[in-house]
């Protein structure tokens, strides 16, 4: 992702800056998705593996990236509180 774009992106709700999800975090997320244990903030089950994502620097919300475009819609976010031990970069 372009560093200039990353520098201006933030969570649309909390205005917290975001960073790319690490491989370890992404693997944990995709394992939980495969197990059927992930819901979006809107309560909709996430069923598709995520190839790339951003996470708020406080580690609370994940936003997926589709075709190089961050999906920064509040209802599309994935809260990390639903994971027992979500790793941090």
PDB file of N, CA and C in Angstrom:
ATOM      1  N   UNK A   1       0.843  -1.173   0.000  1.00  0.00           N
ATOM      2  CA  UNK A   1       0.000   0.000   0.000  1.00  0.00           C
ATOM      3  C   UNK A   1       0.891   1.240   0.000  1.00  0.00           C
ATOM      4  N   UNK A   2       0.464   2.232  -0.733  1.00  0.00           N
ATOM      5  CA  UNK A   2       1.201   3.485  -0.837  1.00  0.00           C
ATOM      6  C   UNK A   2       1.336   4.132   0.549  1.00  0.00           C
ATOM      7  N   UNK A   3       2.554   4.458   0.929  1.00  0.00           N
ATOM      8  CA  UNK A   3       2.828   5.039   2.244  1.00  0.00           C
ATOM      9  C   UNK A   3       2.071   6.348   2.448  1.00  0.00           C
ATOM     10  N   UNK A   4       1.937   7.143   1.402  1.00  0.00           N
ATOM     11  CA  UNK A   4       1.218   8.420   1.527  1.00  0.00           C
ATOM     12  C   UNK A   4      -0.249   8.191   1.840  1.00  0.00           C
ATOM     13  N   UNK A   5      -0.856   7.177   1.206  1.00  0.00           N
ATOM     14  CA  UNK A   5      -2.253   6.855   1.492  1.00  0.00           C
ATOM     15  C   UNK A   5      -2.392   6.340   2.920  1.00  0.00           C
ATOM     16  N   UNK A   6      -1.479   5.472   3.310  1.00  0.00           N
ATOM     17  CA  UNK A   6      -1.523   4.908   4.659  1.00  0.00           C
ATOM     18  C   UNK A   6      -1.410   6.006   5.718  1.00  0.00           C
ATOM     19  N   UNK A   7      -0.613   7.020   5.431  1.00  0.00           N
ATOM     20  CA  UNK A   7      -0.435   8.119   6.386  1.00  0.00           C
ATOM     21  C   UNK A   7      -1.708   8.927   6.619  1.00  0.00           C
ATOM     22  N   UNK A   8      -2.624   8.949   5.650  1.00  0.00           N
ATOM     23  CA  UNK A   8      -3.847   9.750   5.825  1.00  0.00           C
ATOM     24  C   UNK A   8      -5.065   8.932   6.230  1.00  0.00           C
ATOM     25  N   UNK A   9      -4.969   7.605   6.126  1.00  0.00           N
ATOM     26  CA  UNK A   9      -6.116   6.764   6.495  1.00  0.00           C
ATOM     27  C   UNK A   9      -6.257   6.660   8.012  1.00  0.00           C
ATOM     28  N   UNK A  10      -7.502   6.587   8.457  1.00  0.00           N
ATOM     29  CA  UNK A  10      -7.780   6.377   9.869  1.00  0.00           C
ATOM     30  C   UNK A  10      -9.148   5.710   9.994  1.00  0.00           C
ATOM     31  N   UNK A  11      -9.415   5.186  11.167  1.00  0.00           N
ATOM     32  CA  UNK A  11     -10.715   4.583  11.445  1.00  0.00           C
ATOM     33  C   UNK A  11     -11.784   5.666  11.286  1.00  0.00           C
ATOM     34  N   UNK A  12     -12.843   5.397  10.523  1.00  0.00           N
ATOM     35  CA  UNK A  12     -13.872   6.410  10.320  1.00  0.00           C
ATOM     36  C   UNK A  12     -14.678   6.738  11.576  1.00  0.00           C
ATOM     37  N   UNK A  13     -14.609   5.892  12.566  1.00  0.00           N
ATOM     38  CA  UNK A  13     -15.365   6.117  13.795  1.00  0.00           C
ATOM     39  C   UNK A  13     -14.503   6.804  14.860  1.00  0.00           C
ATOM     40  N   UNK A  14     -13.378   6.181  15.204  1.00  0.00           N
ATOM     41  CA  UNK A  14     -12.529   6.700  16.288  1.00  0.00           C
ATOM     42  C   UNK A  14     -11.458   7.679  15.816  1.00  0.00           C
ATOM     43  N   UNK A  15     -11.232   7.731  14.498  1.00  0.00           N
ATOM     44  CA  UNK A  15     -10.185   8.567  13.894  1.00  0.00           C
ATOM     45  C   UNK A  15      -8.783   8.100  14.271  1.00  0.00           C
ATOM     46  N   UNK A  16      -8.657   6.862  14.756  1.00  0.00           N
ATOM     47  CA  UNK A  16      -7.370   6.283  15.099  1.00  0.00           C
ATOM     48  C   UNK A  16      -6.633   5.895  13.814  1.00  0.00           C
ATOM     49  N   UNK A  17      -5.344   6.232  13.702  1.00  0.00           N
ATOM     50  CA  UNK A  17      -4.582   5.828  12.512  1.00  0.00           C
ATOM     51  C   UNK A  17      -4.554   4.311  12.358  1.00  0.00           C
ATOM     52  N   UNK A  18      -4.265   3.852  11.150  1.00  0.00           N
ATOM     53  CA  UNK A  18      -4.210   2.417  10.870  1.00  0.00           C
ATOM     54  C   UNK A  18      -2.826   2.037  10.348  1.00  0.00           C
ATOM     55  N   UNK A  19      -2.548   0.742  10.422  1.00  0.00           N
ATOM     56  CA  UNK A  19      -1.304   0.177   9.892  1.00  0.00           C
ATOM     57  C   UNK A  19      -1.655  -1.138   9.213  1.00  0.00           C
ATOM     58  N   UNK A  20      -0.775  -1.652   8.364  1.00  0.00           N
ATOM     59  CA  UNK A  20      -1.052  -2.945   7.732  1.00  0.00           C
ATOM     60  C   UNK A  20      -1.087  -4.067   8.779  1.00  0.00           C
ATOM     61  N   UNK A  21      -1.950  -5.030   8.560  1.00  0.00           N
ATOM     62  CA  UNK A  21      -2.026  -6.208   9.426  1.00  0.00           C
ATOM     63  C   UNK A  21      -0.781  -7.058   9.182  1.00  0.00           C
ATOM     64  N   UNK A  22      -0.145  -7.532  10.229  1.00  0.00           N
ATOM     65  CA  UNK A  22       1.040  -8.393  10.081  1.00  0.00           C
ATOM     66  C   UNK A  22       0.615  -9.780   9.594  1.00  0.00           C
ATOM     67  N   UNK A  23       1.568 -10.552   9.121  1.00  0.00           N
ATOM     68  CA  UNK A  23       1.271 -11.909   8.648  1.00  0.00           C
ATOM     69  C   UNK A  23       0.691 -12.745   9.793  1.00  0.00           C
ATOM     70  N   UNK A  24       1.246 -12.625  10.963  1.00  0.00           N
ATOM     71  CA  UNK A  24       0.755 -13.387  12.126  1.00  0.00           C
ATOM     72  C   UNK A  24      -0.690 -13.003  12.452  1.00  0.00           C
ATOM     73  N   UNK A  25      -0.987 -11.710  12.437  1.00  0.00           N
ATOM     74  CA  UNK A  25      -2.346 -11.249  12.706  1.00  0.00           C
ATOM     75  C   UNK A  25      -3.301 -11.729  11.617  1.00  0.00           C
ATOM     76  N   UNK A  26      -2.853 -11.650  10.357  1.00  0.00           N
ATOM     77  CA  UNK A  26      -3.673 -12.086   9.232  1.00  0.00           C
ATOM     78  C   UNK A  26      -3.958 -13.589   9.311  1.00  0.00           C
ATOM     79  N   UNK A  27      -2.945 -14.371   9.661  1.00  0.00           N
ATOM     80  CA  UNK A  27      -3.141 -15.819   9.808  1.00  0.00           C
ATOM     81  C   UNK A  27      -4.148 -16.130  10.911  1.00  0.00           C
ATOM     82  N   UNK A  28      -4.050 -15.436  12.032  1.00  0.00           N
ATOM     83  CA  UNK A  28      -4.990 -15.631  13.145  1.00  0.00           C
ATOM     84  C   UNK A  28      -6.411 -15.289  12.699  1.00  0.00           C
ATOM     85  N   UNK A  29      -6.555 -14.167  12.003  1.00  0.00           N
ATOM     86  CA  UNK A  29      -7.861 -13.744  11.505  1.00  0.00           C
ATOM     87  C   UNK A  29      -8.442 -14.779  10.551  1.00  0.00           C
ATOM     88  N   UNK A  30      -7.652 -15.235   9.588  1.00  0.00           N
ATOM     89  CA  UNK A  30      -8.152 -16.197   8.604  1.00  0.00           C
ATOM     90  C   UNK A  30      -8.454 -17.562   9.215  1.00  0.00           C
ATOM     91  N   UNK A  31      -7.699 -17.963  10.238  1.00  0.00           N
ATOM     92  CA  UNK A  31      -8.016 -19.214  10.945  1.00  0.00           C
ATOM     93  C   UNK A  31      -9.384 -19.102  11.623  1.00  0.00           C
ATOM     94  N   UNK A  32      -9.653 -17.951  12.231  1.00  0.00           N
ATOM     95  CA  UNK A  32     -10.946 -17.736  12.894  1.00  0.00           C
ATOM     96  C   UNK A  32     -12.081 -17.665  11.868  1.00  0.00           C
ATOM     97  N   UNK A  33     -11.819 -17.056  10.708  1.00  0.00           N
ATOM     98  CA  UNK A  33     -12.831 -17.003   9.647  1.00  0.00           C
ATOM     99  C   UNK A  33     -13.145 -18.415   9.176  1.00  0.00           C
ATOM    100  N   UNK A  34     -12.123 -19.226   8.967  1.00  0.00           N
ATOM    101  CA  UNK A  34     -12.317 -20.614   8.515  1.00  0.00           C
ATOM    102  C   UNK A  34     -13.126 -21.414   9.536  1.00  0.00           C
ATOM    103  N   UNK A  35     -12.976 -21.075  10.809  1.00  0.00           N
ATOM    104  CA  UNK A  35     -13.714 -21.765  11.872  1.00  0.00           C
ATOM    105  C   UNK A  35     -15.119 -21.190  12.060  1.00  0.00           C
ATOM    106  N   UNK A  36     -15.476 -20.165  11.296  1.00  0.00           N
ATOM    107  CA  UNK A  36     -16.806 -19.565  11.396  1.00  0.00           C
ATOM    108  C   UNK A  36     -17.006 -18.715  12.629  1.00  0.00           C
ATOM    109  N   UNK A  37     -15.914 -18.114  13.136  1.00  0.00           N
ATOM    110  CA  UNK A  37     -15.985 -17.383  14.399  1.00  0.00           C
ATOM    111  C   UNK A  37     -15.771 -15.877  14.268  1.00  0.00           C
ATOM    112  N   UNK A  38     -15.992 -15.325  13.065  1.00  0.00           N
ATOM    113  CA  UNK A  38     -15.733 -13.895  12.877  1.00  0.00           C
ATOM    114  C   UNK A  38     -16.977 -13.196  12.336  1.00  0.00           C
ATOM    115  N   UNK A  39     -17.339 -12.095  12.984  1.00  0.00           N
ATOM    116  CA  UNK A  39     -18.449 -11.251  12.542  1.00  0.00           C
ATOM    117  C   UNK A  39     -17.932  -9.835  12.324  1.00  0.00           C
ATOM    118  N   UNK A  40     -18.569  -9.134  11.403  1.00  0.00           N
ATOM    119  CA  UNK A  40     -18.257  -7.718  11.204  1.00  0.00           C
ATOM    120  C   UNK A  40     -18.875  -6.931  12.353  1.00  0.00           C
ATOM    121  N   UNK A  41     -18.556  -5.653  12.428  1.00  0.00           N
ATOM    122  CA  UNK A  41     -19.141  -4.781  13.444  1.00  0.00           C
ATOM    123  C   UNK A  41     -20.664  -4.787  13.342  1.00  0.00           C
ATOM    124  N   UNK A  42     -21.187  -4.948  12.120  1.00  0.00           N
ATOM    125  CA  UNK A  42     -22.639  -4.977  11.901  1.00  0.00           C
ATOM    126  C   UNK A  42     -23.270  -6.314  12.292  1.00  0.00           C
ATOM    127  N   UNK A  43     -22.449  -7.281  12.723  1.00  0.00           N
ATOM    128  CA  UNK A  43     -22.980  -8.574  13.135  1.00  0.00           C
ATOM    129  C   UNK A  43     -23.135  -9.572  12.008  1.00  0.00           C
ATOM    130  N   UNK A  44     -22.584  -9.287  10.850  1.00  0.00           N
ATOM    131  CA  UNK A  44     -22.661 -10.185   9.698  1.00  0.00           C
ATOM    132  C   UNK A  44     -21.441 -11.111   9.713  1.00  0.00           C
ATOM    133  N   UNK A  45     -21.692 -12.408   9.547  1.00  0.00           N
ATOM    134  CA  UNK A  45     -20.596 -13.376   9.545  1.00  0.00           C
ATOM    135  C   UNK A  45     -19.645 -13.105   8.378  1.00  0.00           C
ATOM    136  N   UNK A  46     -18.337 -13.129   8.680  1.00  0.00           N
ATOM    137  CA  UNK A  46     -17.310 -12.981   7.646  1.00  0.00           C
ATOM    138  C   UNK A  46     -16.958 -14.392   7.199  1.00  0.00           C
ATOM    139  N   UNK A  47     -17.158 -14.682   5.921  1.00  0.00           N
ATOM    140  CA  UNK A  47     -16.947 -16.040   5.414  1.00  0.00           C
ATOM    141  C   UNK A  47     -15.765 -16.160   4.450  1.00  0.00           C
ATOM    142  N   UNK A  48     -15.346 -15.036   3.868  1.00  0.00           N
ATOM    143  CA  UNK A  48     -14.258 -15.046   2.882  1.00  0.00           C
ATOM    144  C   UNK A  48     -12.919 -14.764   3.555  1.00  0.00           C
ATOM    145  N   UNK A  49     -11.896 -15.545   3.158  1.00  0.00           N
ATOM    146  CA  UNK A  49     -10.536 -15.268   3.620  1.00  0.00           C
ATOM    147  C   UNK A  49     -10.152 -13.846   3.238  1.00  0.00           C
ATOM    148  N   UNK A  50      -9.336 -13.252   4.041  1.00  0.00           N
ATOM    149  CA  UNK A  50      -8.874 -11.900   3.784  1.00  0.00           C
ATOM    150  C   UNK A  50      -7.396 -11.967   3.408  1.00  0.00           C
ATOM    151  N   UNK A  51      -7.061 -11.399   2.258  1.00  0.00           N
ATOM    152  CA  UNK A  51      -5.682 -11.445   1.761  1.00  0.00           C
ATOM    153  C   UNK A  51      -4.833 -10.312   2.324  1.00  0.00           C
ATOM    154  N   UNK A  52      -5.492  -9.192   2.603  1.00  0.00           N
ATOM    155  CA  UNK A  52      -4.770  -8.006   3.050  1.00  0.00           C
ATOM    156  C   UNK A  52      -5.724  -7.159   3.878  1.00  0.00           C
ATOM    157  N   UNK A  53      -5.205  -6.514   4.925  1.00  0.00           N
ATOM    158  CA  UNK A  53      -6.072  -5.705   5.778  1.00  0.00           C
ATOM    159  C   UNK A  53      -5.267  -4.655   6.530  1.00  0.00           C
ATOM    160  N   UNK A  54      -5.994  -3.717   7.094  1.00  0.00           N
ATOM    161  CA  UNK A  54      -5.431  -2.686   7.961  1.00  0.00           C
ATOM    162  C   UNK A  54      -6.026  -2.870   9.352  1.00  0.00           C
ATOM    163  N   UNK A  55      -5.290  -2.455  10.366  1.00  0.00           N
ATOM    164  CA  UNK A  55      -5.779  -2.509  11.743  1.00  0.00           C
ATOM    165  C   UNK A  55      -5.478  -1.175  12.405  1.00  0.00           C
ATOM    166  N   UNK A  56      -6.373  -0.726  13.255  1.00  0.00           N
ATOM    167  CA  UNK A  56      -6.110   0.514  13.981  1.00  0.00           C
ATOM    168  C   UNK A  56      -4.884   0.309  14.864  1.00  0.00           C
ATOM    169  N   UNK A  57      -4.131   1.377  15.079  1.00  0.00           N
ATOM    170  CA  UNK A  57      -2.900   1.213  15.852  1.00  0.00           C
ATOM    171  C   UNK A  57      -3.156   0.811  17.303  1.00  0.00           C
ATOM    172  N   UNK A  58      -4.389   0.984  17.774  1.00  0.00           N
ATOM    173  CA  UNK A  58      -4.722   0.506  19.119  1.00  0.00           C
ATOM    174  C   UNK A  58      -5.158  -0.964  19.098  1.00  0.00           C
ATOM    175  N   UNK A  59      -5.186  -1.563  17.892  1.00  0.00           N
ATOM    176  CA  UNK A  59      -5.488  -2.986  17.756  1.00  0.00           C
ATOM    177  C   UNK A  59      -6.941  -3.365  17.933  1.00  0.00           C
ATOM    178  N   UNK A  60      -7.861  -2.417  17.809  1.00  0.00           N
ATOM    179  CA  UNK A  60      -9.268  -2.710  18.093  1.00  0.00           C
ATOM    180  C   UNK A  60     -10.121  -3.071  16.879  1.00  0.00           C
ATOM    181  N   UNK A  61      -9.812  -2.516  15.699  1.00  0.00           N
ATOM    182  CA  UNK A  61     -10.663  -2.745  14.530  1.00  0.00           C
ATOM    183  C   UNK A  61      -9.808  -3.040  13.293  1.00  0.00           C
ATOM    184  N   UNK A  62     -10.259  -4.040  12.534  1.00  0.00           N
ATOM    185  CA  UNK A  62      -9.596  -4.445  11.292  1.00  0.00           C
ATOM    186  C   UNK A  62     -10.478  -4.038  10.121  1.00  0.00           C
ATOM    187  N   UNK A  63      -9.853  -3.501   9.080  1.00  0.00           N
ATOM    188  CA  UNK A  63     -10.549  -3.153   7.836  1.00  0.00           C
ATOM    189  C   UNK A  63      -9.861  -3.898   6.693  1.00  0.00           C
ATOM    190  N   UNK A  64     -10.641  -4.641   5.910  1.00  0.00           N
ATOM    191  CA  UNK A  64     -10.060  -5.416   4.817  1.00  0.00           C
ATOM    192  C   UNK A  64      -9.683  -4.505   3.647  1.00  0.00           C
ATOM    193  N   UNK A  65      -8.792  -5.008   2.824  1.00  0.00           N
ATOM    194  CA  UNK A  65      -8.391  -4.325   1.598  1.00  0.00           C
ATOM    195  C   UNK A  65      -8.802  -5.230   0.455  1.00  0.00           C
ATOM    196  N   UNK A  66      -9.577  -4.714  -0.473  1.00  0.00           N
ATOM    197  CA  UNK A  66     -10.032  -5.487  -1.631  1.00  0.00           C
ATOM    198  C   UNK A  66      -9.488  -4.865  -2.907  1.00  0.00           C
ATOM    199  N   UNK A  67      -8.775  -5.648  -3.683  1.00  0.00           N
ATOM    200  CA  UNK A  67      -8.196  -5.167  -4.941  1.00  0.00           C
ATOM    201  C   UNK A  67      -7.392  -3.889  -4.731  1.00  0.00           C
ATOM    202  N   UNK A  68      -6.649  -3.823  -3.635  1.00  0.00           N
ATOM    203  CA  UNK A  68      -5.813  -2.673  -3.352  1.00  0.00           C
ATOM    204  C   UNK A  68      -6.540  -1.478  -2.767  1.00  0.00           C
ATOM    205  N   UNK A  69      -7.843  -1.605  -2.524  1.00  0.00           N
ATOM    206  CA  UNK A  69      -8.642  -0.492  -2.011  1.00  0.00           C
ATOM    207  C   UNK A  69      -9.110  -0.800  -0.582  1.00  0.00           C
ATOM    208  N   UNK A  70      -8.711   0.023   0.389  1.00  0.00           N
ATOM    209  CA  UNK A  70      -9.178  -0.195   1.763  1.00  0.00           C
ATOM    210  C   UNK A  70     -10.686   0.027   1.866  1.00  0.00           C
ATOM    211  N   UNK A  71     -11.365  -0.908   2.526  1.00  0.00           N
ATOM    212  CA  UNK A  71     -12.814  -0.793   2.745  1.00  0.00           C
ATOM    213  C   UNK A  71     -12.984  -0.225   4.158  1.00  0.00           C
ATOM    214  N   UNK A  72     -13.085   1.103   4.227  1.00  0.00           N
ATOM    215  CA  UNK A  72     -13.099   1.797   5.511  1.00  0.00           C
ATOM    216  C   UNK A  72     -14.512   2.175   5.961  1.00  0.00           C
ATOM    217  N   UNK A  73     -15.466   1.309   5.705  1.00  0.00           N
ATOM    218  CA  UNK A  73     -16.843   1.535   6.136  1.00  0.00           C
ATOM    219  C   UNK A  73     -16.997   1.038   7.580  1.00  0.00           C
ATOM    220  N   UNK A  74     -17.571   1.844   8.462  1.00  0.00           N
ATOM    221  CA  UNK A  74     -17.693   1.439   9.868  1.00  0.00           C
ATOM    222  C   UNK A  74     -18.333   0.061  10.048  1.00  0.00           C
ATOM    223  N   UNK A  75     -19.412  -0.230   9.322  1.00  0.00           N
ATOM    224  CA  UNK A  75     -20.118  -1.503   9.490  1.00  0.00           C
ATOM    225  C   UNK A  75     -19.344  -2.694   8.931  1.00  0.00           C
ATOM    226  N   UNK A  76     -18.333  -2.443   8.116  1.00  0.00           N
ATOM    227  CA  UNK A  76     -17.521  -3.511   7.526  1.00  0.00           C
ATOM    228  C   UNK A  76     -16.307  -3.856   8.385  1.00  0.00           C
ATOM    229  N   UNK A  77     -16.045  -3.066   9.402  1.00  0.00           N
ATOM    230  CA  UNK A  77     -14.913  -3.336  10.280  1.00  0.00           C
ATOM    231  C   UNK A  77     -15.086  -4.650  11.027  1.00  0.00           C
ATOM    232  N   UNK A  78     -13.986  -5.194  11.500  1.00  0.00           N
ATOM    233  CA  UNK A  78     -13.994  -6.435  12.284  1.00  0.00           C
ATOM    234  C   UNK A  78     -13.356  -6.108  13.627  1.00  0.00           C
ATOM    235  N   UNK A  79     -14.148  -6.172  14.680  1.00  0.00           N
ATOM    236  CA  UNK A  79     -13.634  -5.882  16.018  1.00  0.00           C
ATOM    237  C   UNK A  79     -12.773  -7.023  16.529  1.00  0.00           C
ATOM    238  N   UNK A  80     -11.640  -6.692  17.119  1.00  0.00           N
ATOM    239  CA  UNK A  80     -10.738  -7.733  17.618  1.00  0.00           C
ATOM    240  C   UNK A  80     -11.137  -8.253  18.994  1.00  0.00           C
ATOM    241  N   UNK A  81     -12.105  -7.616  19.641  1.00  0.00           N
ATOM    242  CA  UNK A  81     -12.515  -8.101  20.965  1.00  0.00           C
ATOM    243  C   UNK A  81     -13.208  -9.462  20.891  1.00  0.00           C
ATOM    244  N   UNK A  82     -13.618  -9.882  19.686  1.00  0.00           N
ATOM    245  CA  UNK A  82     -14.251 -11.194  19.553  1.00  0.00           C
ATOM    246  C   UNK A  82     -13.241 -12.336  19.555  1.00  0.00           C
ATOM    247  N   UNK A  83     -11.946 -11.998  19.563  1.00  0.00           N
ATOM    248  CA  UNK A  83     -10.894 -13.010  19.603  1.00  0.00           C
ATOM    249  C   UNK A  83     -10.334 -13.086  21.014  1.00  0.00           C
ATOM    250  N   UNK A  84     -10.144 -14.310  21.501  1.00  0.00           N
ATOM    251  CA  UNK A  84      -9.623 -14.481  22.855  1.00  0.00           C
ATOM    252  C   UNK A  84      -8.206 -13.915  22.982  1.00  0.00           C
ATOM    253  N   UNK A  85      -7.325 -14.261  22.062  1.00  0.00           N
ATOM    254  CA  UNK A  85      -5.929 -13.825  22.139  1.00  0.00           C
ATOM    255  C   UNK A  85      -5.444 -13.328  20.797  1.00  0.00           C
ATOM    256  N   UNK A  86      -5.952 -12.183  20.365  1.00  0.00           N
ATOM    257  CA  UNK A  86      -5.524 -11.664  19.075  1.00  0.00           C
ATOM    258  C   UNK A  86      -4.108 -11.114  19.211  1.00  0.00           C
ATOM    259  N   UNK A  87      -3.181 -11.596  18.359  1.00  0.00           N
ATOM    260  CA  UNK A  87      -1.792 -11.144  18.480  1.00  0.00           C
ATOM    261  C   UNK A  87      -1.659  -9.688  18.049  1.00  0.00           C
ATOM    262  N   UNK A  88      -0.660  -9.034  18.538  1.00  0.00           N
ATOM    263  CA  UNK A  88      -0.338  -7.695  18.068  1.00  0.00           C
ATOM    264  C   UNK A  88       1.026  -7.753  17.403  1.00  0.00           C
ATOM    265  N   UNK A  89       1.171  -6.970  16.375  1.00  0.00           N
ATOM    266  CA  UNK A  89       2.394  -6.990  15.562  1.00  0.00           C
ATOM    267  C   UNK A  89       3.597  -6.988  16.446  1.00  0.00           C
TER     268      UNK A  89
END
